Each structure stands twice: as structure tokens, then as C-alpha cells.
Amino acid sequence: MSKVKGTLDMAEAVKGAQVVIEAVIENMDLKNKFTRNWISSAPKIRFLPRTPPGYPSTEIGSMTKRAEKVIGMHFFNPGGP
């Protein structure tokens, strides 16, 4: 836990990151804003897993200059609500 640090600064949050998981609610405007804000701050990104699967990964990828890094994933909660 000593290595966990919270921040509201997107550039600081993704600095040096190799993976950033996009888990923004199903609102394309918010997803677009999130993606555009961090993508330039994370030049070392190897891939961008995104969830939930409501929008195609190709649509999210089109918001970036590195669409080939965007992959879809889904987290499963076996406990359910």
C-alpha cells in the first residue's frame, strides 16, 4: 500500500504507465474526454484494455492516434448484485 498514490492529475496518473484500463461509464463524450486527456501523457503505453463493452473498441480506438493498442475486455462479477 505504500506504493499506492491517489491523484486527480491525469498526466501524473499515467506517467510511465504501460497499461491504462478505461472503465468510464457508458457515455461516449466522457470516454472521448478521458481518452484524449491521457493518451498524450502515456507515450510508453503498450495497450489500452477497455471496459465495459457497450461501445466497439474500434470506436474508442478512433479517438486515439494509436488505435492498434486498444483492446476490449470484460470483468465478470460472479457474486452479482
N, C-alpha and C. Protein backbone atom coordinates (compact mmCIF):
# COMPACT_ATOMS: atom_id res chain seq x y z
N MET A 1 0.81 -1.19 0.00
CA MET A 1 0.00 0.00 0.00
C MET A 1 0.86 1.26 0.00
N SER A 2 2.10 1.15 0.44
CA SER A 2 2.95 2.34 0.48
C SER A 2 3.26 2.86 -0.92
N LYS A 3 3.08 2.03 -1.94
CA LYS A 3 3.34 2.44 -3.32
C LYS A 3 2.10 2.97 -4.03
N VAL A 4 0.95 2.90 -3.37
CA VAL A 4 -0.30 3.39 -3.95
C VAL A 4 -0.45 4.87 -3.64
N LYS A 5 -0.71 5.64 -4.68
CA LYS A 5 -0.85 7.09 -4.50
C LYS A 5 -2.04 7.56 -5.31
N GLY A 6 -2.92 8.32 -4.70
CA GLY A 6 -4.07 8.87 -5.40
C GLY A 6 -3.73 10.22 -6.01
N THR A 7 -4.36 10.53 -7.13
CA THR A 7 -4.17 11.84 -7.77
C THR A 7 -5.37 12.15 -8.65
N LEU A 8 -5.63 13.41 -8.83
CA LEU A 8 -6.66 13.86 -9.76
C LEU A 8 -6.04 14.40 -11.04
N ASP A 9 -4.72 14.38 -11.11
CA ASP A 9 -3.98 14.87 -12.27
C ASP A 9 -3.76 13.71 -13.25
N MET A 10 -4.48 13.73 -14.38
CA MET A 10 -4.42 12.63 -15.33
C MET A 10 -3.00 12.39 -15.85
N ALA A 11 -2.28 13.45 -16.17
CA ALA A 11 -0.91 13.30 -16.69
C ALA A 11 -0.02 12.60 -15.66
N GLU A 12 -0.17 12.98 -14.40
CA GLU A 12 0.61 12.35 -13.33
C GLU A 12 0.19 10.89 -13.16
N ALA A 13 -1.10 10.62 -13.25
CA ALA A 13 -1.61 9.27 -13.03
C ALA A 13 -1.09 8.27 -14.06
N VAL A 14 -0.91 8.69 -15.30
CA VAL A 14 -0.50 7.75 -16.35
C VAL A 14 0.97 7.86 -16.74
N LYS A 15 1.69 8.80 -16.13
CA LYS A 15 3.10 8.98 -16.44
C LYS A 15 3.86 7.67 -16.24
N GLY A 16 4.51 7.21 -17.28
CA GLY A 16 5.29 5.98 -17.21
C GLY A 16 4.48 4.70 -17.29
N ALA A 17 3.15 4.82 -17.39
CA ALA A 17 2.30 3.62 -17.42
C ALA A 17 2.47 2.85 -18.72
N GLN A 18 2.42 1.53 -18.62
CA GLN A 18 2.43 0.67 -19.80
C GLN A 18 1.03 0.17 -20.11
N VAL A 19 0.16 0.22 -19.11
CA VAL A 19 -1.24 -0.22 -19.27
C VAL A 19 -2.13 0.78 -18.56
N VAL A 20 -3.19 1.22 -19.23
CA VAL A 20 -4.21 2.07 -18.62
C VAL A 20 -5.55 1.42 -18.94
N ILE A 21 -6.34 1.11 -17.92
CA ILE A 21 -7.64 0.48 -18.14
C ILE A 21 -8.71 1.56 -18.17
N GLU A 22 -9.40 1.66 -19.28
CA GLU A 22 -10.50 2.61 -19.43
C GLU A 22 -11.76 1.95 -18.89
N ALA A 23 -12.32 2.52 -17.84
CA ALA A 23 -13.54 1.98 -17.24
C ALA A 23 -14.53 3.12 -16.98
N VAL A 24 -14.65 4.00 -17.95
CA VAL A 24 -15.55 5.14 -17.87
C VAL A 24 -16.98 4.67 -18.15
N ILE A 25 -17.96 5.27 -17.48
CA ILE A 25 -19.36 4.88 -17.70
C ILE A 25 -19.73 4.99 -19.18
N GLU A 26 -20.81 4.37 -19.56
CA GLU A 26 -21.24 4.32 -20.96
C GLU A 26 -21.75 5.66 -21.45
N ASN A 27 -20.83 6.57 -21.61
CA ASN A 27 -21.13 7.90 -22.13
C ASN A 27 -19.97 8.26 -23.06
N MET A 28 -20.22 8.27 -24.36
CA MET A 28 -19.14 8.45 -25.33
C MET A 28 -18.43 9.78 -25.17
N ASP A 29 -19.13 10.84 -24.78
CA ASP A 29 -18.46 12.12 -24.56
C ASP A 29 -17.43 12.02 -23.43
N LEU A 30 -17.79 11.36 -22.34
CA LEU A 30 -16.86 11.19 -21.22
C LEU A 30 -15.70 10.28 -21.61
N LYS A 31 -16.00 9.19 -22.33
CA LYS A 31 -14.94 8.29 -22.79
C LYS A 31 -13.97 9.03 -23.69
N ASN A 32 -14.50 9.85 -24.58
CA ASN A 32 -13.69 10.63 -25.51
C ASN A 32 -12.78 11.59 -24.73
N LYS A 33 -13.35 12.31 -23.77
CA LYS A 33 -12.57 13.25 -22.97
C LYS A 33 -11.47 12.53 -22.20
N PHE A 34 -11.81 11.42 -21.57
CA PHE A 34 -10.82 10.64 -20.82
C PHE A 34 -9.69 10.20 -21.74
N THR A 35 -10.04 9.60 -22.86
CA THR A 35 -9.04 9.07 -23.78
C THR A 35 -8.13 10.16 -24.30
N ARG A 36 -8.69 11.25 -24.75
CA ARG A 36 -7.88 12.36 -25.28
C ARG A 36 -6.99 12.98 -24.21
N ASN A 37 -7.45 13.02 -22.96
CA ASN A 37 -6.66 13.63 -21.89
C ASN A 37 -5.43 12.82 -21.51
N TRP A 38 -5.55 11.51 -21.48
CA TRP A 38 -4.40 10.73 -21.01
C TRP A 38 -3.49 10.25 -22.11
N ILE A 39 -3.97 10.08 -23.33
CA ILE A 39 -3.19 9.42 -24.37
C ILE A 39 -1.86 10.12 -24.65
N SER A 40 -1.84 11.43 -24.64
CA SER A 40 -0.59 12.15 -24.91
C SER A 40 0.36 12.09 -23.72
N SER A 41 -0.15 11.77 -22.55
CA SER A 41 0.67 11.72 -21.34
C SER A 41 1.25 10.33 -21.07
N ALA A 42 0.91 9.37 -21.89
CA ALA A 42 1.38 7.99 -21.66
C ALA A 42 2.05 7.43 -22.91
N PRO A 43 3.21 7.97 -23.29
CA PRO A 43 3.87 7.51 -24.51
C PRO A 43 4.36 6.08 -24.45
N LYS A 44 4.50 5.51 -23.26
CA LYS A 44 5.01 4.14 -23.12
C LYS A 44 3.90 3.10 -23.13
N ILE A 45 2.67 3.54 -23.32
CA ILE A 45 1.53 2.62 -23.26
C ILE A 45 1.69 1.47 -24.25
N ARG A 46 1.51 0.26 -23.78
CA ARG A 46 1.62 -0.92 -24.64
C ARG A 46 0.24 -1.33 -25.15
N PHE A 47 -0.76 -1.19 -24.30
CA PHE A 47 -2.13 -1.44 -24.74
C PHE A 47 -3.12 -0.80 -23.78
N LEU A 48 -4.32 -0.57 -24.28
CA LEU A 48 -5.39 0.05 -23.51
C LEU A 48 -6.57 -0.90 -23.43
N PRO A 49 -6.64 -1.69 -22.35
CA PRO A 49 -7.85 -2.51 -22.18
C PRO A 49 -9.01 -1.58 -21.84
N ARG A 50 -10.18 -1.86 -22.37
CA ARG A 50 -11.32 -1.00 -22.11
C ARG A 50 -12.51 -1.84 -21.70
N THR A 51 -13.29 -1.29 -20.82
CA THR A 51 -14.48 -1.92 -20.31
C THR A 51 -15.42 -0.82 -19.83
N PRO A 52 -16.69 -1.00 -19.77
CA PRO A 52 -17.49 -2.13 -20.24
C PRO A 52 -17.63 -2.14 -21.76
N PRO A 53 -18.14 -3.23 -22.29
CA PRO A 53 -18.14 -3.43 -23.74
C PRO A 53 -19.31 -2.79 -24.50
N GLY A 54 -19.89 -1.72 -24.01
CA GLY A 54 -21.05 -1.10 -24.64
C GLY A 54 -20.76 -0.45 -25.99
N TYR A 55 -19.54 0.03 -26.19
CA TYR A 55 -19.15 0.63 -27.46
C TYR A 55 -18.04 -0.22 -28.07
N PRO A 56 -18.00 -0.32 -29.39
CA PRO A 56 -16.94 -1.11 -30.03
C PRO A 56 -15.55 -0.54 -29.73
N SER A 57 -14.58 -1.42 -29.56
CA SER A 57 -13.20 -0.99 -29.32
C SER A 57 -12.69 -0.15 -30.47
N THR A 58 -13.17 -0.41 -31.68
CA THR A 58 -12.73 0.39 -32.83
C THR A 58 -13.18 1.83 -32.71
N GLU A 59 -14.35 2.05 -32.10
CA GLU A 59 -14.83 3.42 -31.91
C GLU A 59 -13.97 4.15 -30.88
N ILE A 60 -13.61 3.46 -29.79
CA ILE A 60 -12.72 4.05 -28.79
C ILE A 60 -11.34 4.28 -29.41
N GLY A 61 -10.86 3.31 -30.17
CA GLY A 61 -9.56 3.42 -30.81
C GLY A 61 -9.48 4.59 -31.77
N SER A 62 -10.59 4.92 -32.41
CA SER A 62 -10.59 6.02 -33.37
C SER A 62 -10.35 7.37 -32.69
N MET A 63 -10.47 7.43 -31.36
CA MET A 63 -10.22 8.66 -30.61
C MET A 63 -8.73 8.88 -30.38
N THR A 64 -7.93 7.88 -30.70
CA THR A 64 -6.50 7.95 -30.42
C THR A 64 -5.71 7.91 -31.71
N LYS A 65 -4.43 8.18 -31.61
CA LYS A 65 -3.52 8.02 -32.74
C LYS A 65 -2.86 6.65 -32.67
N ARG A 66 -3.28 5.85 -31.70
CA ARG A 66 -2.71 4.51 -31.51
C ARG A 66 -3.83 3.48 -31.36
N ALA A 67 -4.72 3.47 -32.33
CA ALA A 67 -5.89 2.59 -32.26
C ALA A 67 -5.50 1.12 -32.12
N GLU A 68 -4.35 0.75 -32.65
CA GLU A 68 -3.92 -0.65 -32.59
C GLU A 68 -3.63 -1.11 -31.16
N LYS A 69 -3.55 -0.18 -30.23
CA LYS A 69 -3.28 -0.51 -28.82
C LYS A 69 -4.56 -0.80 -28.04
N VAL A 70 -5.72 -0.49 -28.60
CA VAL A 70 -6.99 -0.62 -27.88
C VAL A 70 -7.52 -2.05 -28.00
N ILE A 71 -7.84 -2.65 -26.86
CA ILE A 71 -8.42 -3.99 -26.84
C ILE A 71 -9.64 -3.98 -25.93
N GLY A 72 -10.59 -4.84 -26.21
CA GLY A 72 -11.78 -4.94 -25.36
C GLY A 72 -11.58 -6.00 -24.29
N MET A 73 -12.15 -5.79 -23.14
CA MET A 73 -12.12 -6.79 -22.07
C MET A 73 -13.38 -6.63 -21.24
N HIS A 74 -13.69 -7.66 -20.49
CA HIS A 74 -14.89 -7.61 -19.66
C HIS A 74 -14.58 -8.24 -18.32
N PHE A 75 -14.90 -7.53 -17.25
CA PHE A 75 -14.74 -8.07 -15.91
C PHE A 75 -16.04 -8.76 -15.53
N PHE A 76 -15.94 -9.93 -14.96
CA PHE A 76 -17.11 -10.70 -14.57
C PHE A 76 -17.18 -10.75 -13.07
N ASN A 77 -18.31 -10.39 -12.52
CA ASN A 77 -18.54 -10.43 -11.09
C ASN A 77 -19.42 -11.64 -10.78
N PRO A 78 -18.81 -12.77 -10.37
CA PRO A 78 -19.62 -13.97 -10.13
C PRO A 78 -20.58 -13.84 -8.95
N GLY A 79 -20.35 -12.86 -8.07
CA GLY A 79 -21.25 -12.67 -6.93
C GLY A 79 -22.54 -11.98 -7.32
N GLY A 80 -22.45 -11.18 -8.38
CA GLY A 80 -23.63 -10.46 -8.83
C GLY A 80 -24.11 -9.41 -7.83
N PRO A 81 -25.10 -8.66 -8.24
CA PRO A 81 -25.63 -7.61 -7.35
C PRO A 81 -26.48 -8.18 -6.23
